[in-house]
Amino acid sequence: MLSHPEMCRQRLKIKDCLVNPDEIRESERSSKIWLFYKLYQKTPVTTKYVLVVVRIMNGEGFIVTAFFTDKIKKGELIWRKSQ
């Protein structure tokens, strides 16, 4: 998280994003990269999505990076929370 200093002390938001995402998309670059999104009204940088990038290997995933973003990126929809 050193390349995203605004993510300091955001471990609970990252975990919540993985456990209870608003949406999961497959990266346009690789089917082995999944993008987990969750919108938060209050963050250190205003209303933003937390994006957790997860690489899937051997049936398991690991976090590549996490950061705040203002919009959901393109990619095939894997799952969306029902409204």
N, C-alpha and C. Protein backbone atom coordinates (compact mmCIF):
# COMPACT_ATOMS: atom_id res chain seq x y z
N MET A 1 0.81 -1.19 0.00
CA MET A 1 0.00 0.00 0.00
C MET A 1 0.85 1.25 0.00
N LEU A 2 2.13 1.12 -0.08
CA LEU A 2 3.00 2.28 -0.07
C LEU A 2 2.79 3.18 -1.27
N SER A 3 2.40 2.62 -2.42
CA SER A 3 2.17 3.46 -3.59
C SER A 3 0.81 4.17 -3.52
N HIS A 4 -0.01 3.84 -2.55
CA HIS A 4 -1.31 4.48 -2.33
C HIS A 4 -1.42 4.89 -0.86
N PRO A 5 -0.74 5.98 -0.47
CA PRO A 5 -0.71 6.36 0.95
C PRO A 5 -2.09 6.64 1.54
N GLU A 6 -3.06 6.99 0.70
CA GLU A 6 -4.42 7.24 1.21
C GLU A 6 -5.06 5.97 1.75
N MET A 7 -4.47 4.81 1.45
CA MET A 7 -5.01 3.53 1.92
C MET A 7 -4.52 3.15 3.31
N CYS A 8 -3.64 3.94 3.88
CA CYS A 8 -3.22 3.68 5.26
C CYS A 8 -4.44 3.66 6.16
N ARG A 9 -4.52 2.71 7.03
CA ARG A 9 -5.62 2.54 7.99
C ARG A 9 -6.96 2.22 7.31
N GLN A 10 -6.91 1.62 6.15
CA GLN A 10 -8.14 1.28 5.43
C GLN A 10 -8.35 -0.23 5.37
N ARG A 11 -7.67 -0.97 6.21
CA ARG A 11 -7.74 -2.43 6.19
C ARG A 11 -9.18 -2.95 6.34
N LEU A 12 -9.98 -2.32 7.19
CA LEU A 12 -11.36 -2.77 7.38
C LEU A 12 -12.20 -2.56 6.12
N LYS A 13 -11.98 -1.44 5.41
CA LYS A 13 -12.69 -1.20 4.16
C LYS A 13 -12.27 -2.22 3.09
N ILE A 14 -10.99 -2.55 3.05
CA ILE A 14 -10.50 -3.54 2.08
C ILE A 14 -11.15 -4.89 2.37
N LYS A 15 -11.17 -5.28 3.62
CA LYS A 15 -11.78 -6.57 3.99
C LYS A 15 -13.27 -6.56 3.67
N ASP A 16 -13.96 -5.48 4.00
CA ASP A 16 -15.38 -5.36 3.73
C ASP A 16 -15.66 -5.43 2.22
N CYS A 17 -14.81 -4.81 1.44
CA CYS A 17 -14.96 -4.83 -0.02
C CYS A 17 -14.85 -6.26 -0.55
N LEU A 18 -13.96 -7.05 0.00
CA LEU A 18 -13.80 -8.44 -0.44
C LEU A 18 -14.96 -9.33 0.03
N VAL A 19 -15.44 -9.11 1.25
CA VAL A 19 -16.48 -9.95 1.83
C VAL A 19 -17.87 -9.55 1.34
N ASN A 20 -18.08 -8.26 1.13
CA ASN A 20 -19.40 -7.74 0.79
C ASN A 20 -19.30 -6.70 -0.33
N PRO A 21 -18.81 -7.10 -1.51
CA PRO A 21 -18.62 -6.12 -2.59
C PRO A 21 -19.94 -5.68 -3.20
N ASP A 22 -19.93 -4.51 -3.84
CA ASP A 22 -21.07 -4.07 -4.62
C ASP A 22 -21.04 -4.73 -6.00
N GLU A 23 -19.83 -4.97 -6.47
CA GLU A 23 -19.67 -5.53 -7.81
C GLU A 23 -18.30 -6.18 -7.95
N ILE A 24 -18.24 -7.25 -8.75
CA ILE A 24 -16.97 -7.91 -9.07
C ILE A 24 -16.90 -7.98 -10.59
N ARG A 25 -15.77 -7.57 -11.15
CA ARG A 25 -15.56 -7.62 -12.59
C ARG A 25 -14.26 -8.34 -12.90
N GLU A 26 -14.23 -8.94 -14.08
CA GLU A 26 -13.00 -9.55 -14.58
C GLU A 26 -12.22 -8.47 -15.31
N SER A 27 -10.95 -8.38 -15.09
CA SER A 27 -10.11 -7.40 -15.76
C SER A 27 -10.15 -7.61 -17.27
N GLU A 28 -10.12 -6.53 -18.03
CA GLU A 28 -10.04 -6.63 -19.49
C GLU A 28 -8.70 -7.23 -19.92
N ARG A 29 -7.69 -7.08 -19.08
CA ARG A 29 -6.34 -7.55 -19.43
C ARG A 29 -6.11 -9.03 -19.16
N SER A 30 -6.79 -9.57 -18.14
CA SER A 30 -6.54 -10.96 -17.78
C SER A 30 -7.75 -11.55 -17.07
N SER A 31 -8.13 -12.75 -17.46
CA SER A 31 -9.24 -13.43 -16.78
C SER A 31 -8.84 -13.89 -15.38
N LYS A 32 -7.55 -13.83 -15.07
CA LYS A 32 -7.07 -14.23 -13.75
C LYS A 32 -7.05 -13.06 -12.77
N ILE A 33 -7.46 -11.89 -13.20
CA ILE A 33 -7.51 -10.71 -12.34
C ILE A 33 -8.96 -10.32 -12.15
N TRP A 34 -9.41 -10.31 -10.91
CA TRP A 34 -10.76 -9.88 -10.57
C TRP A 34 -10.70 -8.56 -9.82
N LEU A 35 -11.67 -7.68 -10.12
CA LEU A 35 -11.74 -6.35 -9.53
C LEU A 35 -12.97 -6.28 -8.62
N PHE A 36 -12.73 -6.10 -7.33
CA PHE A 36 -13.80 -6.01 -6.33
C PHE A 36 -14.04 -4.53 -6.02
N TYR A 37 -15.30 -4.09 -6.09
CA TYR A 37 -15.65 -2.69 -5.86
C TYR A 37 -16.66 -2.57 -4.74
N LYS A 38 -16.51 -1.52 -3.94
CA LYS A 38 -17.52 -1.18 -2.94
C LYS A 38 -17.49 0.33 -2.76
N LEU A 39 -18.66 0.96 -2.84
CA LEU A 39 -18.77 2.41 -2.72
C LEU A 39 -18.86 2.82 -1.25
N TYR A 40 -18.07 3.83 -0.89
CA TYR A 40 -18.09 4.41 0.45
C TYR A 40 -18.35 5.90 0.34
N GLN A 41 -19.30 6.38 1.13
CA GLN A 41 -19.62 7.81 1.12
C GLN A 41 -18.51 8.64 1.77
N LYS A 42 -17.87 8.06 2.80
CA LYS A 42 -16.82 8.79 3.51
C LYS A 42 -15.50 8.02 3.39
N THR A 43 -14.53 8.66 2.79
CA THR A 43 -13.17 8.12 2.70
C THR A 43 -12.21 9.29 2.92
N PRO A 44 -10.91 9.05 3.02
CA PRO A 44 -9.97 10.16 3.15
C PRO A 44 -9.96 11.06 1.92
N VAL A 45 -10.55 10.60 0.81
CA VAL A 45 -10.54 11.38 -0.44
C VAL A 45 -11.96 11.56 -1.00
N THR A 46 -12.94 11.83 -0.17
CA THR A 46 -14.35 12.03 -0.52
C THR A 46 -15.07 10.72 -0.84
N THR A 47 -16.24 10.81 -1.49
CA THR A 47 -17.00 9.63 -1.86
C THR A 47 -16.28 8.90 -2.99
N LYS A 48 -15.92 7.64 -2.74
CA LYS A 48 -15.17 6.87 -3.73
C LYS A 48 -15.49 5.39 -3.57
N TYR A 49 -15.16 4.65 -4.61
CA TYR A 49 -15.16 3.19 -4.53
C TYR A 49 -13.83 2.74 -3.98
N VAL A 50 -13.86 1.71 -3.16
CA VAL A 50 -12.63 0.98 -2.85
C VAL A 50 -12.54 -0.09 -3.94
N LEU A 51 -11.40 -0.17 -4.58
CA LEU A 51 -11.13 -1.19 -5.59
C LEU A 51 -10.03 -2.08 -5.04
N VAL A 52 -10.33 -3.37 -4.93
CA VAL A 52 -9.34 -4.36 -4.50
C VAL A 52 -9.09 -5.27 -5.71
N VAL A 53 -7.85 -5.29 -6.15
CA VAL A 53 -7.46 -6.10 -7.30
C VAL A 53 -6.93 -7.43 -6.79
N VAL A 54 -7.54 -8.52 -7.25
CA VAL A 54 -7.22 -9.86 -6.76
C VAL A 54 -6.77 -10.72 -7.93
N ARG A 55 -5.65 -11.40 -7.79
CA ARG A 55 -5.17 -12.34 -8.79
C ARG A 55 -5.60 -13.75 -8.37
N ILE A 56 -6.22 -14.47 -9.29
CA ILE A 56 -6.69 -15.83 -9.03
C ILE A 56 -5.65 -16.82 -9.56
N MET A 57 -5.15 -17.68 -8.68
CA MET A 57 -4.16 -18.70 -9.06
C MET A 57 -4.49 -19.99 -8.33
N ASN A 58 -4.52 -21.08 -9.07
CA ASN A 58 -4.77 -22.39 -8.47
C ASN A 58 -6.02 -22.42 -7.61
N GLY A 59 -7.06 -21.74 -8.07
CA GLY A 59 -8.33 -21.74 -7.35
C GLY A 59 -8.37 -20.83 -6.13
N GLU A 60 -7.31 -20.09 -5.87
CA GLU A 60 -7.27 -19.17 -4.74
C GLU A 60 -6.89 -17.79 -5.23
N GLY A 61 -7.17 -16.80 -4.41
CA GLY A 61 -6.86 -15.43 -4.79
C GLY A 61 -5.95 -14.76 -3.79
N PHE A 62 -5.20 -13.78 -4.29
CA PHE A 62 -4.41 -12.95 -3.38
C PHE A 62 -4.48 -11.50 -3.85
N ILE A 63 -4.42 -10.59 -2.91
CA ILE A 63 -4.54 -9.16 -3.21
C ILE A 63 -3.28 -8.67 -3.90
N VAL A 64 -3.48 -8.02 -5.04
CA VAL A 64 -2.37 -7.40 -5.77
C VAL A 64 -2.20 -5.97 -5.29
N THR A 65 -3.31 -5.24 -5.20
CA THR A 65 -3.29 -3.85 -4.74
C THR A 65 -4.70 -3.44 -4.36
N ALA A 66 -4.81 -2.30 -3.71
CA ALA A 66 -6.11 -1.73 -3.36
C ALA A 66 -5.97 -0.22 -3.36
N PHE A 67 -7.00 0.45 -3.86
CA PHE A 67 -6.97 1.91 -3.89
C PHE A 67 -8.38 2.45 -4.07
N PHE A 68 -8.52 3.78 -3.92
CA PHE A 68 -9.79 4.45 -4.13
C PHE A 68 -9.89 4.86 -5.60
N THR A 69 -11.11 4.77 -6.14
CA THR A 69 -11.36 5.19 -7.52
C THR A 69 -12.75 5.80 -7.60
N ASP A 70 -12.95 6.66 -8.60
CA ASP A 70 -14.25 7.33 -8.69
C ASP A 70 -15.23 6.62 -9.61
N LYS A 71 -14.76 5.61 -10.37
CA LYS A 71 -15.71 4.89 -11.22
C LYS A 71 -15.28 3.44 -11.40
N ILE A 72 -16.25 2.63 -11.80
CA ILE A 72 -16.00 1.22 -12.06
C ILE A 72 -15.43 1.08 -13.47
N LYS A 73 -14.35 0.34 -13.58
CA LYS A 73 -13.68 0.17 -14.87
C LYS A 73 -14.39 -0.87 -15.72
N LYS A 74 -14.10 -0.85 -17.01
CA LYS A 74 -14.68 -1.82 -17.93
C LYS A 74 -14.18 -3.21 -17.60
N GLY A 75 -14.92 -4.19 -18.01
CA GLY A 75 -14.57 -5.58 -17.77
C GLY A 75 -15.84 -6.39 -17.64
N GLU A 76 -15.74 -7.67 -17.87
CA GLU A 76 -16.91 -8.53 -17.81
C GLU A 76 -17.43 -8.61 -16.38
N LEU A 77 -18.73 -8.42 -16.23
CA LEU A 77 -19.36 -8.50 -14.92
C LEU A 77 -19.38 -9.95 -14.45
N ILE A 78 -18.86 -10.20 -13.27
CA ILE A 78 -18.89 -11.53 -12.66
C ILE A 78 -20.06 -11.62 -11.69
N TRP A 79 -20.24 -10.57 -10.90
CA TRP A 79 -21.29 -10.58 -9.87
C TRP A 79 -21.65 -9.14 -9.51
N ARG A 80 -22.92 -8.90 -9.23
CA ARG A 80 -23.37 -7.58 -8.76
C ARG A 80 -24.35 -7.78 -7.63
N LYS A 81 -24.19 -6.97 -6.59
CA LYS A 81 -25.10 -7.00 -5.43
C LYS A 81 -26.48 -6.59 -5.91
N SER A 82 -27.49 -7.33 -5.53
CA SER A 82 -28.84 -6.98 -5.93
C SER A 82 -29.31 -5.75 -5.16
N GLN A 83 -29.99 -4.88 -5.84
CA GLN A 83 -30.40 -3.61 -5.25
C GLN A 83 -31.63 -3.75 -4.47
